[in-house]
């Protein structure tokens, strides 16, 4: 995604419009490596990870005078090893696992173009860092993770380029250990992010291709096994795609629009991943929902357990606001928190992120689905019962606890607030296509805010690039038993046009 400029007086400017960072030749100086100045983890990840090197090499090729420019680039990167040698620290800005794996990819790219022997010790240093078990995001110290897979892909490529069979074997052994644990038995990523699941599947496909290219029998056998696991993951992913053909943005990031392949069933219940996703038809997918439960938040997950995302009549109704940013700060904290999701909140309770939410019951029927959840997320036992009725285009949610339960609801930006009833137990919303949404509750609607100043004012995020859209956020103040019902009326829409 980088946009590269090559000034006549030398150097370069590489701008990433996706994340908004810009790098130039000042990054390839002793001062920049000895004393990194940015506290932005993503900026450092991209910069010292050399993610800009491939588009820079293309620009150098296209601009003419490639040999001189590439020689200059190579010499600078060789110098980096003297400017900041590896000190073995997993938290070092320049030598962290996330930076290492990317830098090895970039150096492999440069070496494949130049075959310059000066790069060999630099690649060897980064490869050694990627083989360091303390800086490997994968088994046995950590669960499988996309960073570990990318590190192994970079190491495998380095081994092939430099004829280092020991590196290649090391990477293959770690892949063999990681593949089965990367997904649940039903095929959902363990990283608690649907969008990341698609990225991880693509990376494992890349791994299978690279293994086949070695031509070795053990690698060919592993590639075939990867194919089987990925096929299962592909099948599961279809259930997690909304009617607009976008993956539901549970966890970090938003995914790309994708075609859906109908499956033999219309519902996915993955207890290990902590997700239910259901529709009633693959041919006319205008009614769909997903519910989160399960283990504590990890990796790329958010505090979204007990939350629901719901579509009806081809319209998004309750949505996940997604990821505001990866940069630490109030926006990141808020978009991870329960307050940013469609969840029950026990009044006066203190959130307990280590608690597991269990699926106590589930029924998938033509007339309506029922999902039963329980847990002690606020240190008192609470229950949530969801009834999803595709016949009457209705969702009913009952929350109970020994203390009063409030509810947070995040509506899609399409819905415009119209009015309350006198008691504020009902609210009406409409959209531009003639759709009407009636919300009725046994509690009291305390607020409906849309695009107000501050994060609590109702927003839906997209990242990267960072953007947001105003969306009504509604808070219901309830009792020890609070029921809220959402009913949509209006002609069904083709979801991808809604």
Protein backbone atom coordinates (compact mmCIF):
# COMPACT_ATOMS: atom_id res chain seq x y z
CA UNK A 1 0.00 0.00 0.00
CA UNK A 2 3.03 2.30 0.21
CA UNK A 3 3.30 5.32 -2.06
CA UNK A 4 6.99 5.95 -2.83
CA UNK A 5 8.78 9.05 -4.05
CA UNK A 6 12.46 9.19 -5.04
CA UNK A 7 13.74 12.78 -4.85
CA UNK A 8 16.35 13.82 -7.41
CA UNK A 9 18.86 14.59 -4.65
CA UNK A 10 18.70 11.04 -3.29
CA UNK A 11 16.94 9.23 -0.51
CA UNK A 12 13.28 8.22 -0.55
CA UNK A 13 9.88 8.98 0.92
CA UNK A 14 7.52 6.04 1.55
CA UNK A 15 4.00 6.82 2.75
CA UNK A 16 1.49 4.22 3.91
CA UNK A 17 -2.01 5.64 3.39
CA UNK A 18 -3.54 2.68 5.23
CA UNK A 19 -1.98 3.43 8.62
CA UNK A 20 -0.86 6.98 7.86
CA UNK A 21 2.87 6.62 8.51
CA UNK A 22 5.66 8.12 6.40
CA UNK A 23 9.28 6.96 6.34
CA UNK A 24 12.33 8.40 4.61
CA UNK A 25 16.09 7.97 4.52
CA UNK A 26 16.40 9.42 8.04
CA UNK A 27 15.17 6.03 9.29
CA UNK A 28 18.39 4.48 7.92
CA UNK A 29 20.76 6.43 10.15
CA UNK A 30 22.72 5.53 13.25
CA UNK A 31 20.70 8.01 15.32
CA UNK A 32 17.37 6.44 14.30
CA UNK A 33 18.52 2.94 15.28
CA UNK A 34 20.39 3.85 18.44
CA UNK A 35 17.67 6.15 19.72
CA UNK A 36 14.19 5.37 18.31
CA UNK A 37 11.92 8.34 18.97
CA UNK A 38 8.41 7.05 18.31
CA UNK A 39 6.29 5.50 21.07
CA UNK A 40 3.77 4.26 18.50
CA UNK A 41 4.13 0.47 18.36
CA UNK A 42 2.61 0.14 14.90
CA UNK A 43 4.83 2.88 13.46
CA UNK A 44 7.91 1.09 14.79
CA UNK A 45 6.62 -2.26 13.59
CA UNK A 46 6.32 -0.99 10.03
CA UNK A 47 9.44 1.17 10.05
CA UNK A 48 12.06 -1.09 11.62
CA UNK A 49 10.27 -4.08 10.13
CA UNK A 50 11.13 -2.75 6.63
CA UNK A 51 7.56 -3.25 5.40
CA UNK A 52 8.24 -0.44 2.91
CA UNK A 53 11.19 -2.16 1.21
CA UNK A 54 9.33 -4.06 -1.50
CA UNK A 55 7.47 -1.02 -2.92
CA UNK A 56 10.70 0.97 -2.59
CA UNK A 57 12.58 -1.59 -4.69
CA UNK A 58 9.84 -1.47 -7.33
CA UNK A 59 10.07 2.32 -7.42
CA UNK A 60 13.86 2.16 -7.76
CA UNK A 61 13.55 -0.29 -10.63
CA UNK A 62 11.04 1.88 -12.43
CA UNK A 63 12.96 5.15 -11.89
CA UNK A 64 16.20 4.06 -13.51
CA UNK A 65 19.63 4.08 -11.90
CA UNK A 66 18.49 1.08 -9.92
CA UNK A 67 21.94 -0.36 -9.24
CA UNK A 68 23.26 2.74 -7.48
CA UNK A 69 20.08 3.24 -5.44
CA UNK A 70 19.88 -0.41 -4.37
CA UNK A 71 23.56 -0.45 -3.46
CA UNK A 72 23.01 2.57 -1.24
CA UNK A 73 20.00 0.89 0.41
CA UNK A 74 21.95 -2.35 0.95
CA UNK A 75 24.89 -0.56 2.53
CA UNK A 76 22.60 1.27 4.96
CA UNK A 77 20.84 -1.92 6.02
CA UNK A 78 24.16 -3.69 6.52
CA UNK A 79 25.20 -0.84 8.84
CA UNK A 80 22.09 -1.30 11.01
CA UNK A 81 23.61 -4.40 12.55
CA UNK A 82 26.49 -2.31 13.95
CA UNK A 83 24.22 0.56 14.92
CA UNK A 84 21.98 -1.61 17.08
CA UNK A 85 23.11 -5.22 17.61
CA UNK A 86 20.61 -7.71 18.99
CA UNK A 87 20.63 -7.56 22.80
CA UNK A 88 18.22 -10.49 23.19
CA UNK A 89 15.44 -8.37 24.69
CA UNK A 90 11.92 -9.28 23.59
CA UNK A 91 10.79 -5.70 24.33
CA UNK A 92 13.49 -3.94 22.30
CA UNK A 93 11.86 -1.58 19.80
CA UNK A 94 14.11 -2.81 16.99
CA UNK A 95 14.42 -6.49 17.95
CA UNK A 96 10.95 -7.44 19.18
CA UNK A 97 9.34 -10.50 17.63
CA UNK A 98 6.87 -8.49 15.56
CA UNK A 99 9.65 -6.35 14.07
CA UNK A 100 12.03 -9.29 13.56
CA UNK A 101 9.66 -11.35 11.47
CA UNK A 102 8.87 -8.41 9.21
CA UNK A 103 12.51 -7.34 8.88
CA UNK A 104 13.54 -10.85 7.85
CA UNK A 105 10.85 -10.77 5.16
CA UNK A 106 12.17 -7.43 3.89
CA UNK A 107 15.79 -8.56 3.92
CA UNK A 108 14.84 -11.74 2.07
CA UNK A 109 13.22 -9.58 -0.59
CA UNK A 110 16.31 -7.41 -0.94
CA UNK A 111 18.65 -10.41 -1.06
CA UNK A 112 16.53 -12.13 -3.71
CA UNK A 113 17.03 -9.02 -5.89
CA UNK A 114 20.71 -8.37 -5.20
CA UNK A 115 22.26 -11.67 -4.02
CA UNK A 116 24.62 -9.35 -2.16
CA UNK A 117 26.75 -11.34 0.31
CA UNK A 118 26.95 -8.32 2.61
CA UNK A 119 23.36 -9.04 3.62
CA UNK A 120 24.07 -12.58 4.80
CA UNK A 121 25.21 -11.69 8.35
CA UNK A 122 22.27 -9.28 8.73
CA UNK A 123 19.79 -11.96 7.69
CA UNK A 124 21.56 -14.46 9.98
CA UNK A 125 21.20 -12.10 12.96
CA UNK A 126 17.49 -11.60 12.37
CA UNK A 127 16.99 -15.32 11.74
CA UNK A 128 18.68 -16.07 15.08
CA UNK A 129 16.32 -13.63 16.79
CA UNK A 130 13.34 -15.32 15.14
CA UNK A 131 14.56 -18.69 16.41
CA UNK A 132 14.88 -17.37 19.96
CA UNK A 133 12.15 -19.20 21.93
CA UNK A 134 11.64 -16.16 24.16
CA UNK A 135 10.72 -14.09 21.10
CA UNK A 136 8.65 -16.69 19.29
CA UNK A 137 4.90 -16.18 19.44
CA UNK A 138 3.97 -19.85 19.27
CA UNK A 139 4.27 -23.25 20.98
CA UNK A 140 5.41 -24.38 23.43
CA UNK A 141 5.50 -21.12 25.41
CA UNK A 142 2.53 -19.49 23.71
CA UNK A 143 -0.47 -20.66 21.71
CA UNK A 144 -0.14 -20.55 17.91
CA UNK A 145 -0.33 -17.00 16.58
CA UNK A 146 -0.12 -15.33 13.19
CA UNK A 147 3.15 -13.67 14.21
CA UNK A 148 4.72 -17.06 14.84
CA UNK A 149 3.55 -18.28 11.44
CA UNK A 150 4.98 -15.21 9.69
CA UNK A 151 8.28 -15.70 11.52
CA UNK A 152 8.42 -19.30 10.31
CA UNK A 153 7.59 -18.30 6.74
CA UNK A 154 10.41 -15.73 6.79
CA UNK A 155 12.82 -18.26 8.28
CA UNK A 156 11.86 -20.90 5.71
CA UNK A 157 12.44 -18.42 2.90
CA UNK A 158 15.82 -17.39 4.33
CA UNK A 159 16.82 -21.03 4.57
CA UNK A 160 15.97 -21.62 0.93
CA UNK A 161 17.68 -18.42 -0.27
CA UNK A 162 20.90 -18.99 1.66
CA UNK A 163 20.98 -22.77 1.47
CA UNK A 164 20.56 -23.12 5.23
CA UNK A 165 18.84 -26.46 5.65
CA UNK A 166 18.99 -26.10 9.44
CA UNK A 167 16.86 -22.93 9.29
CA UNK A 168 14.42 -24.56 6.91
CA UNK A 169 14.04 -27.64 9.11
CA UNK A 170 13.64 -25.46 12.19
CA UNK A 171 10.79 -23.49 10.58
CA UNK A 172 9.07 -26.62 9.26
CA UNK A 173 9.17 -28.29 12.68
CA UNK A 174 7.53 -25.27 14.31
CA UNK A 175 4.85 -25.12 11.61
CA UNK A 176 4.09 -28.80 12.15
CA UNK A 177 3.60 -28.14 15.86
CA UNK A 178 1.45 -25.02 15.35
CA UNK A 179 -0.99 -25.88 12.56
CA UNK A 180 -3.53 -27.98 14.47
CA UNK A 181 -3.72 -25.54 17.37
CA UNK A 182 -4.23 -22.49 15.17
CA UNK A 183 -7.94 -23.24 14.74
CA UNK A 184 -10.62 -24.91 16.80
CA UNK A 185 -11.93 -28.32 15.82
CA UNK A 186 -14.76 -26.51 14.01
CA UNK A 187 -12.29 -24.33 12.08
CA UNK A 188 -12.52 -20.94 13.83
CA UNK A 189 -9.28 -19.06 14.58
CA UNK A 190 -8.19 -19.11 18.22
CA UNK A 191 -7.17 -15.43 17.98
CA UNK A 192 -10.71 -14.14 18.73
CA UNK A 193 -10.87 -11.95 15.62
CA UNK A 194 -12.89 -12.92 12.57
CA UNK A 195 -10.95 -10.60 10.26
CA UNK A 196 -7.65 -11.97 11.47
CA UNK A 197 -8.99 -15.46 10.81
CA UNK A 198 -9.04 -14.72 7.08
CA UNK A 199 -5.48 -13.38 7.23
CA UNK A 200 -4.29 -16.48 9.09
CA UNK A 201 -5.90 -18.80 6.54
CA UNK A 202 -4.13 -16.91 3.74
CA UNK A 203 -0.80 -17.20 5.56
CA UNK A 204 -1.23 -20.95 6.04
CA UNK A 205 -2.01 -21.27 2.33
CA UNK A 206 1.23 -19.40 1.66
CA UNK A 207 3.00 -21.84 3.97
CA UNK A 208 1.61 -24.86 2.13
CA UNK A 209 2.77 -23.40 -1.18
CA UNK A 210 6.26 -22.70 0.15
CA UNK A 211 6.51 -26.21 1.59
CA UNK A 212 5.56 -27.76 -1.74
CA UNK A 213 8.23 -25.75 -3.50
CA UNK A 214 10.92 -27.46 -1.42
CA UNK A 215 9.98 -30.80 -3.00
CA UNK A 216 10.84 -32.70 0.20
CA UNK A 217 8.55 -35.58 1.22
CA UNK A 218 8.07 -34.41 4.83
CA UNK A 219 7.24 -30.89 3.66
CA UNK A 220 4.82 -32.23 1.04
CA UNK A 221 3.05 -34.28 3.71
CA UNK A 222 2.76 -31.24 6.00
CA UNK A 223 1.44 -29.13 3.11
CA UNK A 224 -1.35 -31.67 2.52
CA UNK A 225 -2.27 -31.59 6.21
CA UNK A 226 -2.34 -27.79 6.14
CA UNK A 227 -4.73 -27.99 3.17
CA UNK A 228 -7.12 -30.12 5.26
CA UNK A 229 -7.06 -27.74 8.21
CA UNK A 230 -7.51 -24.69 5.99
CA UNK A 231 -10.48 -26.30 4.22
CA UNK A 232 -12.18 -26.68 7.60
CA UNK A 233 -11.38 -23.06 8.44
CA UNK A 234 -12.78 -21.90 5.09
CA UNK A 235 -16.06 -23.68 5.81
CA UNK A 236 -16.37 -22.10 9.27
CA UNK A 237 -15.57 -18.62 7.95
CA UNK A 238 -18.68 -18.64 5.76
CA UNK A 239 -20.89 -18.69 8.85
CA UNK A 240 -19.15 -15.58 10.19
CA UNK A 241 -19.81 -13.47 7.10
CA UNK A 242 -22.70 -11.04 7.47
CA UNK A 243 -25.42 -10.60 4.85
CA UNK A 244 -23.45 -7.68 3.34
CA UNK A 245 -20.64 -10.18 2.59
CA UNK A 246 -18.34 -8.60 5.16
CA UNK A 247 -17.02 -10.67 8.06
CA UNK A 248 -18.58 -9.71 11.37
CA UNK A 249 -16.03 -7.36 13.01
CA UNK A 250 -15.69 -9.26 16.28
CA UNK A 251 -12.21 -8.62 17.64
CA UNK A 252 -9.58 -6.46 15.97
CA UNK A 253 -9.81 -5.01 12.47
CA UNK A 254 -12.42 -5.19 9.73
CA UNK A 255 -12.13 -7.76 6.96
CA UNK A 256 -12.64 -7.49 3.22
CA UNK A 257 -15.86 -8.25 1.38
CA UNK A 258 -15.98 -11.87 0.30
CA UNK A 259 -18.14 -14.35 -1.56
CA UNK A 260 -20.00 -16.81 0.65
CA UNK A 261 -20.06 -20.52 -0.10
CA UNK A 262 -23.25 -22.19 1.18
CA UNK A 263 -22.68 -24.95 3.71
CA UNK A 264 -24.67 -28.09 4.57
CA UNK A 265 -26.07 -26.47 7.72
CA UNK A 266 -27.16 -22.91 8.50
CA UNK A 267 -25.71 -22.55 12.01
CA UNK A 268 -22.27 -22.72 13.59
CA UNK A 269 -21.88 -23.40 17.30
CA UNK A 270 -18.22 -23.41 18.32
CA UNK A 271 -17.89 -23.78 22.07
CA UNK A 272 -14.10 -23.68 21.95
CA UNK A 273 -14.07 -20.37 20.04
CA UNK A 274 -17.04 -19.04 22.01
CA UNK A 275 -19.29 -18.11 19.13
CA UNK A 276 -22.73 -18.90 17.71
CA UNK A 277 -23.49 -17.68 14.18
CA UNK A 278 -26.74 -18.51 12.45
CA UNK A 279 -28.93 -17.77 9.48
CA UNK A 280 -32.01 -19.49 8.10
CA UNK A 281 -31.10 -19.56 4.44
CA UNK A 282 -27.99 -19.31 2.28
CA UNK A 283 -30.10 -18.34 -0.75
CA UNK A 284 -31.87 -15.40 0.91
CA UNK A 285 -29.53 -14.37 3.73
CA UNK A 286 -31.45 -11.37 5.06
CA UNK A 287 -31.68 -12.66 8.67
CA UNK A 288 -28.45 -13.43 10.51
CA UNK A 289 -26.91 -13.08 13.96
CA UNK A 290 -23.79 -13.87 15.98
CA UNK A 291 -23.36 -14.22 19.74
CA UNK A 292 -20.10 -14.25 21.71
CA UNK A 293 -19.32 -16.20 24.88
CA UNK A 294 -16.51 -18.40 26.15
CA UNK A 295 -13.02 -17.90 27.52
CA UNK A 296 -11.41 -14.64 28.68
CA UNK A 297 -10.20 -12.18 26.06
CA UNK A 298 -6.88 -13.04 24.44
CA UNK A 299 -4.74 -12.09 21.44
CA UNK A 300 -6.92 -9.95 19.14
CA UNK A 301 -10.16 -10.32 21.09
CA UNK A 302 -12.31 -7.63 22.68
CA UNK A 303 -14.38 -7.66 25.87
CA UNK A 304 -17.43 -8.69 23.86
CA UNK A 305 -18.64 -11.83 25.61
CA UNK A 306 -22.45 -11.95 25.96
CA UNK A 307 -22.69 -9.53 23.02
CA UNK A 308 -24.92 -10.00 19.98
CA UNK A 309 -24.75 -8.72 16.40
CA UNK A 310 -28.06 -8.93 14.55
CA UNK A 311 -29.37 -8.40 11.01
CA UNK A 312 -33.05 -8.49 10.02
CA UNK A 313 -34.83 -7.93 6.68
CA UNK A 314 -31.42 -7.47 5.08
CA UNK A 315 -30.65 -4.54 7.38
CA UNK A 316 -27.91 -4.36 10.01
CA UNK A 317 -29.52 -3.53 13.35
CA UNK A 318 -27.20 -4.26 16.28
CA UNK A 319 -23.56 -3.99 15.26
CA UNK A 320 -20.10 -4.30 16.74
CA UNK A 321 -18.35 -0.89 16.64
CA UNK A 322 -15.09 -2.67 15.65
CA UNK A 323 -11.58 -1.30 16.22
CA UNK A 324 -10.84 2.39 16.67
CA UNK A 325 -7.05 2.07 16.51
CA UNK A 326 -4.08 -0.07 17.55
CA UNK A 327 -2.39 2.92 19.18
CA UNK A 328 -2.62 2.87 22.97
CA UNK A 329 -4.94 5.55 24.32
CA UNK A 330 -8.58 6.27 25.19
CA UNK A 331 -9.96 5.28 21.77
CA UNK A 332 -8.21 1.89 21.87
CA UNK A 333 -9.29 1.27 25.46
CA UNK A 334 -12.90 2.15 24.73
CA UNK A 335 -13.26 0.05 21.58
CA UNK A 336 -11.92 -2.99 23.47
CA UNK A 337 -14.18 -2.48 26.49
CA UNK A 338 -17.63 -3.93 27.28
CA UNK A 339 -19.06 -0.42 26.94
CA UNK A 340 -18.47 -0.60 23.17
CA UNK A 341 -20.50 -3.80 22.70
CA UNK A 342 -24.10 -5.02 22.95
CA UNK A 343 -23.79 -6.41 26.46
CA UNK A 344 -25.45 -6.43 29.89
CA UNK A 345 -23.75 -4.39 32.61
CA UNK A 346 -24.52 -5.10 36.28
CA UNK A 347 -25.13 -1.75 37.99
CA UNK A 348 -22.37 -0.89 40.42
CA UNK A 349 -20.45 -4.03 39.50
CA UNK A 350 -16.73 -4.34 38.86
CA UNK A 351 -15.81 -6.07 35.60
CA UNK A 352 -13.98 -9.41 35.98
CA UNK A 353 -12.19 -10.08 32.67
CA UNK A 354 -10.90 -13.50 33.77
CA UNK A 355 -14.39 -15.02 34.04
CA UNK A 356 -15.63 -17.54 31.46
CA UNK A 357 -19.11 -17.14 29.97
CA UNK A 358 -20.81 -20.46 29.31
CA UNK A 359 -23.31 -21.49 26.68
CA UNK A 360 -26.08 -23.13 28.72
CA UNK A 361 -28.44 -23.86 25.87
CA UNK A 362 -28.97 -23.41 22.15
CA UNK A 363 -31.80 -24.28 19.78
CA UNK A 364 -31.93 -23.58 16.05
CA UNK A 365 -35.46 -23.76 14.67
CA UNK A 366 -37.35 -22.39 11.68
CA UNK A 367 -39.56 -20.21 13.87
CA UNK A 368 -36.88 -18.87 16.22
CA UNK A 369 -33.46 -19.53 17.70
CA UNK A 370 -32.77 -19.49 21.43
CA UNK A 371 -29.37 -18.86 23.01
CA UNK A 372 -28.80 -19.14 26.79
CA UNK A 373 -25.65 -17.69 28.40
CA UNK A 374 -24.43 -17.33 31.97
CA UNK A 375 -21.40 -15.99 33.78
CA UNK A 376 -20.20 -13.68 36.54
CA UNK A 377 -18.56 -10.94 34.51
CA UNK A 378 -19.47 -8.40 37.20
CA UNK A 379 -18.78 -10.73 40.15
CA UNK A 380 -22.44 -11.65 40.53
CA UNK A 381 -24.04 -14.45 38.56
CA UNK A 382 -26.01 -13.25 35.56
CA UNK A 383 -27.99 -14.86 32.76
CA UNK A 384 -28.76 -13.71 29.23
CA UNK A 385 -31.47 -15.29 27.08
CA UNK A 386 -31.68 -14.31 23.40
CA UNK A 387 -34.61 -15.24 21.18
CA UNK A 388 -34.09 -14.50 17.49
CA UNK A 389 -37.32 -14.67 15.49
CA UNK A 390 -36.85 -14.46 11.69
CA UNK A 391 -40.58 -14.85 11.04
CA UNK A 392 -41.54 -11.65 12.86
CA UNK A 393 -38.15 -9.94 12.36
CA UNK A 394 -37.68 -9.68 16.10
CA UNK A 395 -34.94 -10.07 18.68
CA UNK A 396 -35.77 -10.38 22.38
CA UNK A 397 -33.06 -10.22 25.02
CA UNK A 398 -33.68 -11.02 28.70
CA UNK A 399 -30.98 -10.21 31.26
CA UNK A 400 -31.23 -11.30 34.89
CA UNK A 401 -28.95 -11.00 37.92
CA UNK A 402 -29.18 -10.56 41.69
CA UNK A 403 -28.52 -6.85 41.17
CA UNK A 404 -30.02 -4.45 38.61
CA UNK A 405 -28.81 -4.99 35.05
CA UNK A 406 -28.37 -2.22 32.51
CA UNK A 407 -28.02 -2.85 28.80
CA UNK A 408 -25.82 -1.19 26.16
CA UNK A 409 -26.99 -1.31 22.54
CA UNK A 410 -25.01 -0.14 19.52
CA UNK A 411 -27.18 0.44 16.45
CA UNK A 412 -25.95 0.58 12.87
CA UNK A 413 -25.34 4.12 11.51
CA UNK A 414 -28.30 3.70 9.14
CA UNK A 415 -30.84 4.11 11.98
CA UNK A 416 -32.12 7.59 12.76
CA UNK A 417 -33.77 8.22 16.11
CA UNK A 418 -37.33 9.56 15.87
CA UNK A 419 -38.99 9.57 19.29
CA UNK A 420 -39.55 8.01 22.71
CA UNK A 421 -42.89 7.18 24.25
CA UNK A 422 -43.85 9.18 27.34
CA UNK A 423 -42.45 6.62 29.78
CA UNK A 424 -39.24 6.15 27.76
CA UNK A 425 -39.86 2.43 27.60
CA UNK A 426 -39.93 2.48 23.79
CA UNK A 427 -38.01 4.22 21.02
CA UNK A 428 -38.60 4.45 17.29
CA UNK A 429 -35.89 4.58 14.61
CA UNK A 430 -36.16 4.72 10.83
CA UNK A 431 -33.82 4.33 7.88
CA UNK A 432 -33.67 5.78 4.37
CA UNK A 433 -35.20 2.69 2.76
CA UNK A 434 -38.49 2.80 4.67
CA UNK A 435 -37.36 0.48 7.42
CA UNK A 436 -38.64 1.01 10.94
CA UNK A 437 -37.07 -0.24 14.15
CA UNK A 438 -39.12 -0.31 17.34
CA UNK A 439 -37.26 -0.88 20.59
CA UNK A 440 -39.37 -1.75 23.65
CA UNK A 441 -38.00 -2.49 27.10
CA UNK A 442 -39.16 -3.35 30.61
CA UNK A 443 -36.46 -0.95 31.82
CA UNK A 444 -36.10 2.71 30.95
CA UNK A 445 -34.17 4.13 28.01
CA UNK A 446 -31.72 6.47 29.69
CA UNK A 447 -30.05 7.84 26.57
CA UNK A 448 -29.71 7.65 22.81
CA UNK A 449 -26.60 9.42 21.56
CA UNK A 450 -25.34 9.54 18.01
CA UNK A 451 -22.05 11.14 17.08
CA UNK A 452 -21.87 13.20 20.27
CA UNK A 453 -18.47 14.49 21.44
CA UNK A 454 -16.45 11.83 23.17
CA UNK A 455 -16.37 8.10 22.66
CA UNK A 456 -19.64 7.38 24.47
CA UNK A 457 -21.62 9.37 21.93
CA UNK A 458 -22.19 6.55 19.44
CA UNK A 459 -19.60 5.59 16.82
CA UNK A 460 -18.74 2.73 14.49
CA UNK A 461 -15.05 2.44 13.62
CA UNK A 462 -13.02 1.18 10.70
CA UNK A 463 -9.31 0.52 11.02
CA UNK A 464 -7.06 0.65 9.12
CA UNK A 465 -7.29 3.32 7.83
CA UNK A 466 -8.74 5.01 10.88
CA UNK A 467 -12.24 6.36 10.28
CA UNK A 468 -15.53 6.46 12.11
CA UNK A 469 -19.22 6.95 11.45
CA UNK A 470 -21.83 8.27 13.85
CA UNK A 471 -24.16 5.56 15.14
CA UNK A 472 -26.87 5.60 17.78
CA UNK A 473 -25.73 4.15 21.09
CA UNK A 474 -28.57 3.41 23.47
CA UNK A 475 -28.36 2.70 27.19
CA UNK A 476 -31.24 0.96 28.99
CA UNK A 477 -31.42 1.22 32.78
CA UNK A 478 -33.02 -1.92 34.12
CA UNK A 479 -33.84 -3.96 37.20
CA UNK A 480 -32.82 -7.45 38.28
CA UNK A 481 -34.76 -8.68 35.25
CA UNK A 482 -34.67 -6.57 32.11
CA UNK A 483 -36.15 -7.50 28.74
CA UNK A 484 -35.60 -5.49 25.56
CA UNK A 485 -37.22 -6.35 22.23
CA UNK A 486 -36.17 -5.08 18.81
CA UNK A 487 -38.65 -5.36 15.93
CA UNK A 488 -37.92 -4.39 12.33
CA UNK A 489 -40.58 -3.63 9.73
CA UNK A 490 -40.04 -2.79 6.09
CA UNK A 491 -39.61 -4.51 2.77
CA UNK A 492 -36.70 -7.02 2.81
CA UNK A 493 -33.59 -5.68 1.15
CA UNK A 494 -30.87 -7.40 -0.80
CA UNK A 495 -28.29 -7.16 1.99
CA UNK A 496 -25.37 -6.18 -0.23
CA UNK A 497 -27.33 -3.14 -1.41
CA UNK A 498 -28.51 -2.06 2.04
